[in-house]
Amino acid sequence: MIKAIIFDIDNTLLDFMTMKSNAINAAVVGMIANGLPIEKDLAIKQIFDIYNFKGYEHQKVLNDFIVNTIDSIDYKILAAGIVEYKIAKEASLSLYPGVKDTLVNLSNFGLKLGILSDAPSREAWIRMYILKIHKIFDQVVTFNDTGFYKPAKEPFIKIKELLDVEYHECLMVGDWPERDIKGAKQLGMKTAFAKYGATEIIDNSDADYELDTIHELVDIIRSENKIL
């Protein structure tokens, strides 16, 4: 029987990559308009190269990019980039279709709902607050709560203990098999691969379930918990 469902945030509940792409595009346009001497497409590529090297939660990506481009920080250009990034980020931040309805339905089944994210605490909570889902979850564990990234055991142990359930009573839902699915399975949690949010084609997720839409969780819980 499933008593708790644990969700990753980015590319599982919200369309992180669309948000990130729109925000970086706006930041680059703002920086170029304020004097940064670089072609737009090249700038976007270089920023994503930094993300790919330092991680998508790297908070000083624009600082690094500007220094790489002109050898020092121009604060007028940096300010333009930061402000335009934040405006576009908030405008682009959106849940996948059906997320809120699905979360409500799952909660109505009496399930505990948790978040397990590799994002820093501040960023995770800001996203949840903007999307108005911050009150839906019983517990939230982010990178700052354990100091470990998935698939390390520590984050999964922490959320399990906070939710006060057994490992086999948990269903972990995430878009990244090497982190979300692998990390959960090593402790005996059931797993669901958020195929709809994956940024690349995954031939074998090794998950117990693969989701084309988040709505499918409702039928999975009905089956697992024998709910008529």
Protein backbone atom coordinates (compact mmCIF):
# COMPACT_ATOMS: atom_id res chain seq x y z
CA MET A 1 0.00 0.00 0.00
CA ILE A 2 1.23 3.47 -0.89
CA LYS A 3 0.95 5.98 1.96
CA ALA A 4 3.17 8.79 0.62
CA ILE A 5 4.11 10.20 -2.77
CA ILE A 6 7.38 12.11 -3.06
CA PHE A 7 7.90 14.46 -5.99
CA ASP A 8 10.91 16.06 -7.57
CA ILE A 9 10.05 19.66 -8.58
CA ASP A 10 11.86 20.65 -11.75
CA ASN A 11 10.64 18.90 -14.91
CA THR A 12 8.29 16.83 -12.76
CA LEU A 13 5.82 19.41 -11.43
CA LEU A 14 6.97 22.45 -13.41
CA ASP A 15 8.48 22.98 -16.85
CA PHE A 16 11.94 23.99 -15.65
CA MET A 17 13.76 24.00 -18.98
CA THR A 18 11.25 26.25 -20.74
CA MET A 19 11.45 28.66 -17.82
CA LYS A 20 15.25 28.58 -17.82
CA SER A 21 15.51 29.08 -21.59
CA ASN A 22 13.10 32.02 -21.58
CA ALA A 23 14.87 33.63 -18.63
CA ILE A 24 18.34 33.31 -20.19
CA ASN A 25 17.09 34.64 -23.53
CA ALA A 26 15.65 37.73 -21.78
CA ALA A 27 18.82 38.23 -19.74
CA VAL A 28 21.00 38.13 -22.85
CA VAL A 29 18.79 40.61 -24.71
CA GLY A 30 18.96 42.95 -21.70
CA MET A 31 22.74 42.71 -21.38
CA ILE A 32 23.36 43.29 -25.09
CA ALA A 33 21.02 46.28 -25.06
CA ASN A 34 23.15 47.74 -22.28
CA GLY A 35 26.45 47.38 -24.06
CA LEU A 36 27.66 43.78 -23.84
CA PRO A 37 29.61 43.16 -27.08
CA ILE A 38 28.51 39.66 -28.07
CA GLU A 39 26.13 37.99 -30.51
CA LYS A 40 22.92 36.71 -28.94
CA ASP A 41 23.04 33.04 -29.93
CA LEU A 42 26.68 32.74 -28.89
CA ALA A 43 25.91 34.34 -25.53
CA ILE A 44 23.06 31.90 -24.85
CA LYS A 45 25.30 28.96 -25.75
CA GLN A 46 28.08 30.15 -23.47
CA ILE A 47 25.70 30.62 -20.53
CA PHE A 48 24.31 27.11 -20.94
CA ASP A 49 27.87 25.80 -21.18
CA ILE A 50 28.48 27.30 -17.73
CA TYR A 51 25.29 25.70 -16.40
CA ASN A 52 26.28 22.33 -17.83
CA PHE A 53 29.64 22.60 -16.09
CA LYS A 54 28.59 24.10 -12.75
CA GLY A 55 24.96 22.94 -12.48
CA TYR A 56 21.64 24.56 -13.35
CA GLU A 57 21.27 26.05 -9.87
CA HIS A 58 24.56 27.98 -10.13
CA GLN A 59 23.56 31.40 -8.81
CA LYS A 60 26.38 33.47 -10.34
CA VAL A 61 26.16 32.26 -13.91
CA LEU A 62 25.75 35.81 -15.28
CA ASN A 63 28.77 37.04 -13.28
CA ASP A 64 30.87 34.22 -14.75
CA PHE A 65 29.58 34.86 -18.24
CA ILE A 66 30.30 38.61 -18.14
CA VAL A 67 33.83 38.07 -16.81
CA ASN A 68 34.45 35.48 -19.54
CA THR A 69 33.23 37.98 -22.14
CA ILE A 70 34.84 41.28 -21.08
CA ASP A 71 37.32 40.18 -18.36
CA SER A 72 35.61 42.10 -15.54
CA ILE A 73 32.19 42.84 -14.07
CA ASP A 74 30.23 45.73 -15.55
CA TYR A 75 27.47 46.23 -12.99
CA LYS A 76 25.18 48.05 -15.39
CA ILE A 77 25.25 45.01 -17.67
CA LEU A 78 24.94 42.59 -14.73
CA ALA A 79 21.95 44.46 -13.31
CA ALA A 80 20.20 44.40 -16.68
CA GLY A 81 20.76 40.67 -16.97
CA ILE A 82 19.56 39.87 -13.45
CA VAL A 83 16.43 42.01 -13.67
CA GLU A 84 15.39 40.73 -17.10
CA TYR A 85 16.11 37.16 -16.01
CA LYS A 86 13.87 37.46 -12.94
CA ILE A 87 11.02 39.08 -14.85
CA ALA A 88 11.05 36.38 -17.54
CA LYS A 89 11.51 33.62 -15.00
CA GLU A 90 8.38 34.53 -13.05
CA ALA A 91 6.38 35.02 -16.25
CA SER A 92 7.47 31.61 -17.59
CA LEU A 93 7.18 29.55 -14.43
CA SER A 94 4.26 27.19 -14.91
CA LEU A 95 3.04 23.80 -13.75
CA TYR A 96 2.53 20.98 -16.19
CA PRO A 97 -1.14 20.49 -17.14
CA GLY A 98 -3.16 18.78 -14.45
CA VAL A 99 -0.61 19.05 -11.65
CA LYS A 100 -2.81 20.87 -9.14
CA ASP A 101 -5.85 18.69 -9.77
CA THR A 102 -3.75 15.55 -9.45
CA LEU A 103 -2.15 16.71 -6.20
CA VAL A 104 -5.57 17.51 -4.75
CA ASN A 105 -6.94 14.12 -5.79
CA LEU A 106 -3.98 12.31 -4.25
CA SER A 107 -4.32 14.29 -1.04
CA ASN A 108 -8.03 13.40 -0.93
CA PHE A 109 -7.01 9.72 -0.95
CA GLY A 110 -5.39 10.40 2.42
CA LEU A 111 -1.84 10.24 1.07
CA LYS A 112 1.02 12.26 2.49
CA LEU A 113 2.76 14.39 -0.15
CA GLY A 114 6.41 15.35 -0.11
CA ILE A 115 8.97 17.24 -2.17
CA LEU A 116 12.54 16.02 -2.65
CA SER A 117 14.61 18.48 -4.68
CA ASP A 118 18.29 19.05 -5.42
CA ALA A 119 17.54 22.78 -5.68
CA PRO A 120 18.72 25.12 -2.90
CA SER A 121 16.04 25.72 -0.27
CA ARG A 122 15.43 29.34 -1.25
CA GLU A 123 14.97 28.57 -4.93
CA ALA A 124 12.71 25.58 -4.29
CA TRP A 125 10.43 27.52 -1.95
CA ILE A 126 10.29 30.55 -4.26
CA ARG A 127 9.14 28.35 -7.14
CA MET A 128 6.54 26.63 -4.99
CA TYR A 129 5.25 29.95 -3.64
CA ILE A 130 4.97 31.57 -7.08
CA LEU A 131 3.05 28.53 -8.33
CA LYS A 132 0.85 28.50 -5.20
CA ILE A 133 1.59 24.89 -4.29
CA HIS A 134 3.58 25.62 -1.13
CA LYS A 135 0.70 24.64 1.18
CA ILE A 136 -0.11 21.33 -0.54
CA PHE A 137 2.89 19.36 0.68
CA ASP A 138 3.35 17.81 4.10
CA GLN A 139 7.15 17.90 3.98
CA VAL A 140 9.84 19.44 1.77
CA VAL A 141 13.49 18.37 1.61
CA THR A 142 16.01 20.30 -0.51
CA PHE A 143 19.76 20.13 -1.00
CA ASN A 144 20.39 22.43 1.95
CA ASP A 145 18.59 20.08 4.33
CA THR A 146 21.11 17.25 3.91
CA GLY A 147 24.04 18.59 1.90
CA PHE A 148 23.73 15.67 -0.49
CA TYR A 149 22.42 15.42 -4.03
CA LYS A 150 20.30 12.53 -5.26
CA PRO A 151 20.93 9.59 -5.72
CA ALA A 152 22.71 9.69 -2.35
CA LYS A 153 20.68 7.92 0.31
CA GLU A 154 20.61 10.83 2.75
CA PRO A 155 17.88 12.95 1.04
CA PHE A 156 15.60 9.92 0.66
CA ILE A 157 16.13 8.89 4.27
CA LYS A 158 15.36 12.44 5.43
CA ILE A 159 12.06 12.76 3.55
CA LYS A 160 10.96 9.26 4.59
CA GLU A 161 11.59 10.06 8.25
CA LEU A 162 9.77 13.40 8.03
CA LEU A 163 6.75 11.78 6.38
CA ASP A 164 6.82 9.03 9.05
CA VAL A 165 6.25 6.12 6.68
CA GLU A 166 8.16 3.00 5.64
CA TYR A 167 10.26 2.94 2.48
CA HIS A 168 8.00 0.40 0.76
CA GLU A 169 5.03 2.70 1.43
CA CYS A 170 6.58 5.52 -0.63
CA LEU A 171 6.27 6.26 -4.35
CA MET A 172 9.02 8.52 -5.73
CA VAL A 173 8.12 10.51 -8.86
CA GLY A 174 10.88 12.16 -10.88
CA ASP A 175 12.19 12.93 -14.37
CA TRP A 176 15.81 11.85 -13.86
CA PRO A 177 16.34 8.07 -13.66
CA GLU A 178 19.98 8.33 -12.57
CA ARG A 179 19.01 10.46 -9.58
CA ASP A 180 15.33 10.13 -8.73
CA ILE A 181 14.68 6.50 -9.66
CA LYS A 182 18.07 5.03 -8.73
CA GLY A 183 18.14 6.83 -5.39
CA ALA A 184 14.65 5.71 -4.40
CA LYS A 185 15.00 2.10 -5.52
CA GLN A 186 18.17 1.52 -3.47
CA LEU A 187 16.06 1.99 -0.34
CA GLY A 188 13.07 -0.02 -1.50
CA MET A 189 10.75 2.80 -2.55
CA LYS A 190 8.41 2.32 -5.48
CA THR A 191 9.17 4.61 -8.40
CA ALA A 192 7.46 6.45 -11.25
CA PHE A 193 9.41 8.04 -14.10
CA ALA A 194 7.96 11.40 -15.19
CA LYS A 195 8.56 10.67 -18.86
CA TYR A 196 6.64 13.81 -19.87
CA GLY A 197 9.31 16.02 -18.25
CA ALA A 198 12.47 14.24 -19.34
CA THR A 199 14.88 16.38 -21.35
CA GLU A 200 16.26 13.42 -23.30
CA ILE A 201 14.99 10.08 -24.60
CA ILE A 202 15.33 7.38 -21.95
CA ASP A 203 15.10 3.82 -23.27
CA ASN A 204 14.99 2.16 -19.86
CA SER A 205 14.21 4.19 -16.76
CA ASP A 206 14.15 1.09 -14.48
CA ALA A 207 11.11 2.60 -12.77
CA ASP A 208 8.07 0.63 -11.63
CA TYR A 209 5.86 2.99 -13.64
CA GLU A 210 6.38 5.38 -16.53
CA LEU A 211 4.12 8.43 -16.77
CA ASP A 212 3.09 10.08 -20.02
CA THR A 213 1.08 12.56 -17.93
CA ILE A 214 0.94 13.24 -14.21
CA HIS A 215 -2.78 12.32 -14.23
CA GLU A 216 -1.80 8.65 -14.45
CA LEU A 217 -0.74 8.71 -10.79
CA VAL A 218 -4.40 8.69 -9.74
CA ASP A 219 -5.06 5.36 -11.45
CA ILE A 220 -1.77 3.95 -10.14
CA ILE A 221 -2.79 4.74 -6.58
CA ARG A 222 -6.28 3.35 -7.13
CA SER A 223 -4.68 0.10 -8.28
CA GLU A 224 -1.92 -0.07 -5.64
CA ASN A 225 -4.29 0.78 -2.77
CA LYS A 226 -7.29 -1.08 -4.19
CA ILE A 227 -9.48 2.03 -4.19
CA LEU A 228 -12.76 1.58 -6.03
